[in-house]
Amino acid sequence: MKLVIVRHGDPDYEHDTLTETGRIEAMLAAERLKGHAFAACYVSPLGRAQDTAEYTLDACGMKAVTLPWLREFHAPILHPDTGDVRVPWDWLPAAWTAEPRYYDKDRWAEPDVMQAHHVGAEAQRVYEGLDAVLAEHGYLRDGMIYRAERPNRDTLLFFCHFGVECVMLGHLTGISPMVLWHGFCAAPTAITVVSTEERRKGVAAFRINTFGDTGHLHAAGREPSFSARFCETFDCDAERHD
């Protein structure tokens, strides 16, 4: 089985929709995806993901199931490095790398700041939601692997957000979301593909084949939007620092 995860297009966060650039990106992603057969499509309830998915759903003649746990990962914390309330990623490197537990797949939500804002509970909600979808399609979580009770070559399509995508990928691969949040970046409409590998009968693991592919944008002569990234060098005032 394959999971295809698509981040929403360039966002208008104030109105929870897409910018004009984001709509073009969503149309290009739809062109990329429309030739594929999907067994099911799942989408975040937030407007920017719904608006992105609409183009592909129309192109493929599909309908989607809206899943509440696919919304952007929602556990705002009081950041120790900035003093304001914000998402639990986008920390300054000197702050989060100083805590060894953030690198641990089992302990990353243990630090006081994470516990105070129930980050672990929100992650568990994502884990359980993802596992329920996989079980519906024949793969049951068993420790760190999945029992392939109904092995198949179906492809499931997800439209969601960078934050929650990293939590999903961390659950499937045994990597702390903090490492994924800060070490990887999926640009708007970036496409990630995860496949099962069943090297022994009935025992499946998930492997990331492609992360953050924006080939559909480059093929159209467009640079990916900058959302989710920070300045490449400190002296660039046109790109965000925080």
C-alpha atoms as a PDB file:
ATOM      1  CA  MET A   1       0.000   0.000   0.000  1.00  0.00           C
ATOM      2  CA  LYS A   2       1.077   3.554  -0.679  1.00  0.00           C
ATOM      3  CA  LEU A   3       0.283   6.781   1.141  1.00  0.00           C
ATOM      4  CA  VAL A   4       0.498  10.004  -0.869  1.00  0.00           C
ATOM      5  CA  ILE A   5       0.597  13.055   1.408  1.00  0.00           C
ATOM      6  CA  VAL A   6       0.121  16.520  -0.105  1.00  0.00           C
ATOM      7  CA  ARG A   7       0.687  19.744   1.794  1.00  0.00           C
ATOM      8  CA  HIS A   8      -1.798  22.524   1.058  1.00  0.00           C
ATOM      9  CA  GLY A   9      -0.930  25.316  -1.365  1.00  0.00           C
ATOM     10  CA  ASP A  10       0.549  28.692  -0.462  1.00  0.00           C
ATOM     11  CA  PRO A  11      -1.670  29.755   2.453  1.00  0.00           C
ATOM     12  CA  ASP A  12      -3.662  32.832   3.293  1.00  0.00           C
ATOM     13  CA  TYR A  13      -3.609  32.044   7.006  1.00  0.00           C
ATOM     14  CA  GLU A  14      -5.747  35.033   7.984  1.00  0.00           C
ATOM     15  CA  HIS A  15      -8.709  33.752   5.961  1.00  0.00           C
ATOM     16  CA  ASP A  16      -7.763  30.042   6.085  1.00  0.00           C
ATOM     17  CA  THR A  17      -7.714  29.696   2.338  1.00  0.00           C
ATOM     18  CA  LEU A  18      -5.164  29.899  -0.482  1.00  0.00           C
ATOM     19  CA  THR A  19      -3.413  32.847  -2.019  1.00  0.00           C
ATOM     20  CA  GLU A  20      -3.642  33.225  -5.789  1.00  0.00           C
ATOM     21  CA  THR A  21      -0.231  31.577  -5.943  1.00  0.00           C
ATOM     22  CA  GLY A  22      -1.567  28.755  -3.801  1.00  0.00           C
ATOM     23  CA  ARG A  23      -4.444  28.152  -6.207  1.00  0.00           C
ATOM     24  CA  ILE A  24      -2.041  27.886  -9.132  1.00  0.00           C
ATOM     25  CA  GLU A  25       0.071  25.442  -7.119  1.00  0.00           C
ATOM     26  CA  ALA A  26      -3.033  23.387  -6.298  1.00  0.00           C
ATOM     27  CA  MET A  27      -4.018  23.239  -9.972  1.00  0.00           C
ATOM     28  CA  LEU A  28      -0.531  22.066 -10.914  1.00  0.00           C
ATOM     29  CA  ALA A  29      -0.614  19.409  -8.209  1.00  0.00           C
ATOM     30  CA  ALA A  30      -3.969  18.224  -9.548  1.00  0.00           C
ATOM     31  CA  GLU A  31      -2.460  17.869 -13.016  1.00  0.00           C
ATOM     32  CA  ARG A  32       0.321  15.783 -11.478  1.00  0.00           C
ATOM     33  CA  LEU A  33      -2.062  13.529  -9.550  1.00  0.00           C
ATOM     34  CA  LYS A  34      -4.992  13.095 -11.887  1.00  0.00           C
ATOM     35  CA  GLY A  35      -3.543  10.161 -13.809  1.00  0.00           C
ATOM     36  CA  HIS A  36      -3.301   7.988 -10.704  1.00  0.00           C
ATOM     37  CA  ALA A  37      -5.902   5.687  -9.188  1.00  0.00           C
ATOM     38  CA  PHE A  38      -6.608   6.337  -5.515  1.00  0.00           C
ATOM     39  CA  ALA A  39      -8.530   3.944  -3.308  1.00  0.00           C
ATOM     40  CA  ALA A  40      -9.561   6.772  -0.968  1.00  0.00           C
ATOM     41  CA  CYS A  41      -8.859  10.429  -0.241  1.00  0.00           C
ATOM     42  CA  TYR A  42      -8.693  12.022   3.191  1.00  0.00           C
ATOM     43  CA  VAL A  43      -8.519  15.749   3.882  1.00  0.00           C
ATOM     44  CA  SER A  44      -7.994  18.115   6.791  1.00  0.00           C
ATOM     45  CA  PRO A  45     -11.054  20.141   7.852  1.00  0.00           C
ATOM     46  CA  LEU A  46      -9.158  23.430   7.471  1.00  0.00           C
ATOM     47  CA  GLY A  47      -9.992  25.610   4.499  1.00  0.00           C
ATOM     48  CA  ARG A  48      -6.532  25.799   2.957  1.00  0.00           C
ATOM     49  CA  ALA A  49      -6.344  21.998   2.732  1.00  0.00           C
ATOM     50  CA  GLN A  50      -9.934  21.648   1.541  1.00  0.00           C
ATOM     51  CA  ASP A  51      -9.329  24.260  -1.177  1.00  0.00           C
ATOM     52  CA  THR A  52      -6.154  22.481  -2.307  1.00  0.00           C
ATOM     53  CA  ALA A  53      -7.851  19.091  -2.432  1.00  0.00           C
ATOM     54  CA  GLU A  54     -10.785  20.413  -4.464  1.00  0.00           C
ATOM     55  CA  TYR A  55      -8.715  20.715  -7.645  1.00  0.00           C
ATOM     56  CA  THR A  56      -7.502  17.111  -7.471  1.00  0.00           C
ATOM     57  CA  LEU A  57     -10.894  15.748  -6.468  1.00  0.00           C
ATOM     58  CA  ASP A  58     -12.475  17.449  -9.477  1.00  0.00           C
ATOM     59  CA  ALA A  59      -9.730  16.206 -11.805  1.00  0.00           C
ATOM     60  CA  CYS A  60     -10.032  12.615 -10.532  1.00  0.00           C
ATOM     61  CA  GLY A  61     -13.807  12.559 -10.115  1.00  0.00           C
ATOM     62  CA  MET A  62     -13.429  11.634  -6.455  1.00  0.00           C
ATOM     63  CA  LYS A  63     -14.887  12.572  -3.100  1.00  0.00           C
ATOM     64  CA  ALA A  64     -12.908  12.923   0.091  1.00  0.00           C
ATOM     65  CA  VAL A  65     -13.464  12.040   3.723  1.00  0.00           C
ATOM     66  CA  THR A  66     -12.732  14.904   6.121  1.00  0.00           C
ATOM     67  CA  LEU A  67     -10.839  13.748   9.214  1.00  0.00           C
ATOM     68  CA  PRO A  68     -10.565  16.106  12.232  1.00  0.00           C
ATOM     69  CA  TRP A  69      -7.174  14.728  13.305  1.00  0.00           C
ATOM     70  CA  LEU A  70      -5.672  15.748   9.935  1.00  0.00           C
ATOM     71  CA  ARG A  71      -6.020  19.435  10.810  1.00  0.00           C
ATOM     72  CA  GLU A  72      -2.773  21.296  11.409  1.00  0.00           C
ATOM     73  CA  PHE A  73      -1.106  19.939  14.551  1.00  0.00           C
ATOM     74  CA  HIS A  74      -2.713  22.024  17.273  1.00  0.00           C
ATOM     75  CA  ALA A  75      -0.826  22.271  20.565  1.00  0.00           C
ATOM     76  CA  PRO A  76       0.382  25.880  20.942  1.00  0.00           C
ATOM     77  CA  ILE A  77       3.127  26.319  23.537  1.00  0.00           C
ATOM     78  CA  LEU A  78       4.898  29.178  25.284  1.00  0.00           C
ATOM     79  CA  HIS A  79       8.213  29.214  23.463  1.00  0.00           C
ATOM     80  CA  PRO A  80      11.206  29.435  25.794  1.00  0.00           C
ATOM     81  CA  ASP A  81      13.315  31.189  23.146  1.00  0.00           C
ATOM     82  CA  THR A  82      10.816  33.873  22.068  1.00  0.00           C
ATOM     83  CA  GLY A  83       8.455  34.240  25.037  1.00  0.00           C
ATOM     84  CA  ASP A  84       5.311  34.100  22.890  1.00  0.00           C
ATOM     85  CA  VAL A  85       2.687  31.448  22.299  1.00  0.00           C
ATOM     86  CA  ARG A  86       3.169  29.652  19.012  1.00  0.00           C
ATOM     87  CA  VAL A  87       3.302  26.240  17.326  1.00  0.00           C
ATOM     88  CA  PRO A  88       5.527  23.587  18.953  1.00  0.00           C
ATOM     89  CA  TRP A  89       7.947  23.644  16.014  1.00  0.00           C
ATOM     90  CA  ASP A  90       9.951  26.503  14.466  1.00  0.00           C
ATOM     91  CA  TRP A  91      12.213  26.683  17.523  1.00  0.00           C
ATOM     92  CA  LEU A  92      15.565  28.379  17.268  1.00  0.00           C
ATOM     93  CA  PRO A  93      18.160  25.619  16.758  1.00  0.00           C
ATOM     94  CA  ALA A  94      20.156  26.556  19.856  1.00  0.00           C
ATOM     95  CA  ALA A  95      17.052  26.039  22.019  1.00  0.00           C
ATOM     96  CA  TRP A  96      15.630  22.696  20.917  1.00  0.00           C
ATOM     97  CA  THR A  97      18.950  20.972  20.182  1.00  0.00           C
ATOM     98  CA  ALA A  98      20.032  21.520  23.799  1.00  0.00           C
ATOM     99  CA  GLU A  99      17.435  18.987  25.010  1.00  0.00           C
ATOM    100  CA  PRO A 100      18.459  15.364  24.206  1.00  0.00           C
ATOM    101  CA  ARG A 101      14.910  14.090  24.690  1.00  0.00           C
ATOM    102  CA  TYR A 102      13.751  15.959  21.588  1.00  0.00           C
ATOM    103  CA  TYR A 103      15.762  13.487  19.508  1.00  0.00           C
ATOM    104  CA  ASP A 104      14.099  10.467  21.139  1.00  0.00           C
ATOM    105  CA  LYS A 105      11.022   8.988  19.424  1.00  0.00           C
ATOM    106  CA  ASP A 106       9.584   7.947  22.814  1.00  0.00           C
ATOM    107  CA  ARG A 107      10.575  10.937  24.973  1.00  0.00           C
ATOM    108  CA  TRP A 108      10.287  13.994  22.710  1.00  0.00           C
ATOM    109  CA  ALA A 109       7.044  15.154  24.405  1.00  0.00           C
ATOM    110  CA  GLU A 110       8.389  14.722  27.972  1.00  0.00           C
ATOM    111  CA  PRO A 111      10.033  18.144  28.562  1.00  0.00           C
ATOM    112  CA  ASP A 112       8.016  20.429  30.856  1.00  0.00           C
ATOM    113  CA  VAL A 113       7.056  22.882  28.132  1.00  0.00           C
ATOM    114  CA  MET A 114       5.584  20.085  26.048  1.00  0.00           C
ATOM    115  CA  GLN A 115       3.729  18.502  28.954  1.00  0.00           C
ATOM    116  CA  ALA A 116       2.315  21.841  30.098  1.00  0.00           C
ATOM    117  CA  HIS A 117       0.608  22.281  26.737  1.00  0.00           C
ATOM    118  CA  HIS A 118      -0.462  18.650  26.171  1.00  0.00           C
ATOM    119  CA  VAL A 119       1.673  18.155  23.070  1.00  0.00           C
ATOM    120  CA  GLY A 120       1.965  14.420  23.680  1.00  0.00           C
ATOM    121  CA  ALA A 121      -1.805  14.010  23.942  1.00  0.00           C
ATOM    122  CA  GLU A 122      -2.298  15.809  20.641  1.00  0.00           C
ATOM    123  CA  ALA A 123       0.316  13.585  19.002  1.00  0.00           C
ATOM    124  CA  GLN A 124      -1.462  10.512  20.350  1.00  0.00           C
ATOM    125  CA  ARG A 125      -4.671  11.728  18.732  1.00  0.00           C
ATOM    126  CA  VAL A 126      -2.865  11.834  15.369  1.00  0.00           C
ATOM    127  CA  TYR A 127      -1.280   8.420  15.905  1.00  0.00           C
ATOM    128  CA  GLU A 128      -4.636   6.839  16.726  1.00  0.00           C
ATOM    129  CA  GLY A 129      -6.370   8.526  13.796  1.00  0.00           C
ATOM    130  CA  LEU A 130      -3.732   7.378  11.331  1.00  0.00           C
ATOM    131  CA  ASP A 131      -3.723   3.833  12.676  1.00  0.00           C
ATOM    132  CA  ALA A 132      -7.511   3.677  12.394  1.00  0.00           C
ATOM    133  CA  VAL A 133      -7.318   4.582   8.688  1.00  0.00           C
ATOM    134  CA  LEU A 134      -4.576   2.030   8.066  1.00  0.00           C
ATOM    135  CA  ALA A 135      -6.534  -0.666   9.908  1.00  0.00           C
ATOM    136  CA  GLU A 136      -9.557   0.078   7.740  1.00  0.00           C
ATOM    137  CA  HIS A 137      -7.347  -0.647   4.731  1.00  0.00           C
ATOM    138  CA  GLY A 138      -5.885  -3.865   6.090  1.00  0.00           C
ATOM    139  CA  TYR A 139      -2.794  -2.872   8.122  1.00  0.00           C
ATOM    140  CA  LEU A 140      -2.927  -3.181  11.930  1.00  0.00           C
ATOM    141  CA  ARG A 141      -0.343  -1.573  14.196  1.00  0.00           C
ATOM    142  CA  ASP A 142       1.654  -4.076  16.244  1.00  0.00           C
ATOM    143  CA  GLY A 143       4.449  -2.367  18.159  1.00  0.00           C
ATOM    144  CA  MET A 144       6.641  -0.620  15.605  1.00  0.00           C
ATOM    145  CA  ILE A 145       5.425  -2.667  12.624  1.00  0.00           C
ATOM    146  CA  TYR A 146       2.065  -3.413  11.029  1.00  0.00           C
ATOM    147  CA  ARG A 147       0.343  -6.728  10.557  1.00  0.00           C
ATOM    148  CA  ALA A 148      -0.648  -6.984   6.913  1.00  0.00           C
ATOM    149  CA  GLU A 149      -3.989  -8.690   7.420  1.00  0.00           C
ATOM    150  CA  ARG A 150      -5.227  -7.697   3.969  1.00  0.00           C
ATOM    151  CA  PRO A 151      -2.085  -6.847   1.973  1.00  0.00           C
ATOM    152  CA  ASN A 152      -2.838  -4.650  -1.015  1.00  0.00           C
ATOM    153  CA  ARG A 153      -1.415  -2.197  -3.538  1.00  0.00           C
ATOM    154  CA  ASP A 154      -4.012   0.499  -2.899  1.00  0.00           C
ATOM    155  CA  THR A 155      -2.948   4.152  -2.816  1.00  0.00           C
ATOM    156  CA  LEU A 156      -4.416   6.474  -0.172  1.00  0.00           C
ATOM    157  CA  LEU A 157      -4.316  10.230  -0.765  1.00  0.00           C
ATOM    158  CA  PHE A 158      -4.064  12.751   2.086  1.00  0.00           C
ATOM    159  CA  PHE A 159      -4.298  16.559   1.942  1.00  0.00           C
ATOM    160  CA  CYS A 160      -3.063  18.168   5.131  1.00  0.00           C
ATOM    161  CA  HIS A 161      -0.346  20.379   6.664  1.00  0.00           C
ATOM    162  CA  PHE A 162       3.389  20.268   7.267  1.00  0.00           C
ATOM    163  CA  GLY A 163       3.156  20.046  11.061  1.00  0.00           C
ATOM    164  CA  VAL A 164       0.766  17.110  11.181  1.00  0.00           C
ATOM    165  CA  GLU A 165       2.526  15.410   8.250  1.00  0.00           C
ATOM    166  CA  CYS A 166       5.724  15.216  10.296  1.00  0.00           C
ATOM    167  CA  VAL A 167       3.835  13.668  13.215  1.00  0.00           C
ATOM    168  CA  MET A 168       2.368  11.059  10.844  1.00  0.00           C
ATOM    169  CA  LEU A 169       5.751  10.266   9.313  1.00  0.00           C
ATOM    170  CA  GLY A 170       7.370  10.072  12.737  1.00  0.00           C
ATOM    171  CA  HIS A 171       4.781   7.520  13.833  1.00  0.00           C
ATOM    172  CA  LEU A 172       5.296   5.389  10.727  1.00  0.00           C
ATOM    173  CA  THR A 173       9.099   5.435  10.822  1.00  0.00           C
ATOM    174  CA  GLY A 174      10.024   5.788  14.500  1.00  0.00           C
ATOM    175  CA  ILE A 175      11.504   9.287  14.216  1.00  0.00           C
ATOM    176  CA  SER A 176      10.856  12.104  16.684  1.00  0.00           C
ATOM    177  CA  PRO A 177       8.593  14.768  15.151  1.00  0.00           C
ATOM    178  CA  MET A 178      10.955  17.421  16.518  1.00  0.00           C
ATOM    179  CA  VAL A 179      13.700  16.093  14.238  1.00  0.00           C
ATOM    180  CA  LEU A 180      11.338  16.044  11.251  1.00  0.00           C
ATOM    181  CA  TRP A 181       9.844  19.466  12.006  1.00  0.00           C
ATOM    182  CA  HIS A 182      13.268  21.099  12.173  1.00  0.00           C
ATOM    183  CA  GLY A 183      15.283  18.973   9.772  1.00  0.00           C
ATOM    184  CA  PHE A 184      12.864  18.707   6.843  1.00  0.00           C
ATOM    185  CA  CYS A 185      10.658  21.136   4.961  1.00  0.00           C
ATOM    186  CA  ALA A 186       7.682  20.380   2.729  1.00  0.00           C
ATOM    187  CA  ALA A 187       6.901  23.408   0.579  1.00  0.00           C
ATOM    188  CA  PRO A 188       3.297  24.206  -0.376  1.00  0.00           C
ATOM    189  CA  THR A 189       1.777  21.358  -2.480  1.00  0.00           C
ATOM    190  CA  ALA A 190       4.884  19.238  -1.899  1.00  0.00           C
ATOM    191  CA  ILE A 191       4.110  15.548  -2.386  1.00  0.00           C
ATOM    192  CA  THR A 192       5.417  12.794  -0.101  1.00  0.00           C
ATOM    193  CA  VAL A 193       5.057   9.099  -0.925  1.00  0.00           C
ATOM    194  CA  VAL A 194       5.282   6.356   1.696  1.00  0.00           C
ATOM    195  CA  SER A 195       5.081   2.663   0.813  1.00  0.00           C
ATOM    196  CA  THR A 196       4.706  -0.558   2.746  1.00  0.00           C
ATOM    197  CA  GLU A 197       7.422  -3.179   2.523  1.00  0.00           C
ATOM    198  CA  GLU A 198       6.327  -6.729   3.340  1.00  0.00           C
ATOM    199  CA  ARG A 199       9.630  -8.599   3.371  1.00  0.00           C
ATOM    200  CA  ARG A 200       8.128 -11.379   5.462  1.00  0.00           C
ATOM    201  CA  LYS A 201       4.570 -12.569   4.900  1.00  0.00           C
ATOM    202  CA  GLY A 202       2.126 -10.608   7.013  1.00  0.00           C
ATOM    203  CA  VAL A 203       4.731  -8.232   8.478  1.00  0.00           C
ATOM    204  CA  ALA A 204       4.796  -4.733   6.988  1.00  0.00           C
ATOM    205  CA  ALA A 205       6.825  -1.606   7.636  1.00  0.00           C
ATOM    206  CA  PHE A 206       6.457   1.831   6.071  1.00  0.00           C
ATOM    207  CA  ARG A 207       9.281   3.467   4.149  1.00  0.00           C
ATOM    208  CA  ILE A 208       9.445   7.011   2.789  1.00  0.00           C
ATOM    209  CA  ASN A 209      10.160   6.826  -0.932  1.00  0.00           C
ATOM    210  CA  THR A 210       9.792  10.502  -1.790  1.00  0.00           C
ATOM    211  CA  PHE A 211       9.660  13.505   0.532  1.00  0.00           C
ATOM    212  CA  GLY A 212       8.480  16.976  -0.397  1.00  0.00           C
ATOM    213  CA  ASP A 213       8.511  16.539  -4.185  1.00  0.00           C
ATOM    214  CA  THR A 214       7.734  19.802  -5.989  1.00  0.00           C
ATOM    215  CA  GLY A 215       8.514  18.593  -9.508  1.00  0.00           C
ATOM    216  CA  HIS A 216       5.061  19.672 -10.704  1.00  0.00           C
ATOM    217  CA  LEU A 217       5.957  23.282  -9.853  1.00  0.00           C
ATOM    218  CA  HIS A 218       9.397  23.210 -11.464  1.00  0.00           C
ATOM    219  CA  ALA A 219       7.933  21.617 -14.598  1.00  0.00           C
ATOM    220  CA  ALA A 220       5.667  24.645 -14.903  1.00  0.00           C
ATOM    221  CA  GLY A 221       8.561  27.062 -14.406  1.00  0.00           C
ATOM    222  CA  ARG A 222       7.508  28.026 -10.880  1.00  0.00           C
ATOM    223  CA  GLU A 223       9.646  28.172  -7.754  1.00  0.00           C
ATOM    224  CA  PRO A 224       8.048  26.622  -4.658  1.00  0.00           C
ATOM    225  CA  SER A 225       6.530  29.104  -2.231  1.00  0.00           C
ATOM    226  CA  PHE A 226       8.700  29.994   0.764  1.00  0.00           C
ATOM    227  CA  SER A 227       6.137  29.106   3.436  1.00  0.00           C
ATOM    228  CA  ALA A 228       7.631  26.921   6.246  1.00  0.00           C
ATOM    229  CA  ARG A 229      11.214  27.989   5.520  1.00  0.00           C
ATOM    230  CA  PHE A 230      13.504  30.563   7.111  1.00  0.00           C
ATOM    231  CA  CYS A 231      16.290  32.782   5.783  1.00  0.00           C
ATOM    232  CA  GLU A 232      19.139  30.986   4.051  1.00  0.00           C
ATOM    233  CA  THR A 233      21.602  33.605   5.308  1.00  0.00           C
ATOM    234  CA  PHE A 234      21.019  36.044   8.179  1.00  0.00           C
ATOM    235  CA  ASP A 235      21.640  39.123   6.043  1.00  0.00           C
ATOM    236  CA  CYS A 236      18.585  38.471   3.845  1.00  0.00           C
ATOM    237  CA  ASP A 237      15.837  40.813   5.074  1.00  0.00           C
ATOM    238  CA  ALA A 238      13.388  39.560   2.422  1.00  0.00           C
ATOM    239  CA  GLU A 239      13.124  36.147   4.120  1.00  0.00           C
ATOM    240  CA  ARG A 240      11.821  35.518   7.631  1.00  0.00           C
ATOM    241  CA  HIS A 241      14.097  34.934  10.609  1.00  0.00           C
ATOM    242  CA  ASP A 242      11.419  33.938  13.179  1.00  0.00           C
END
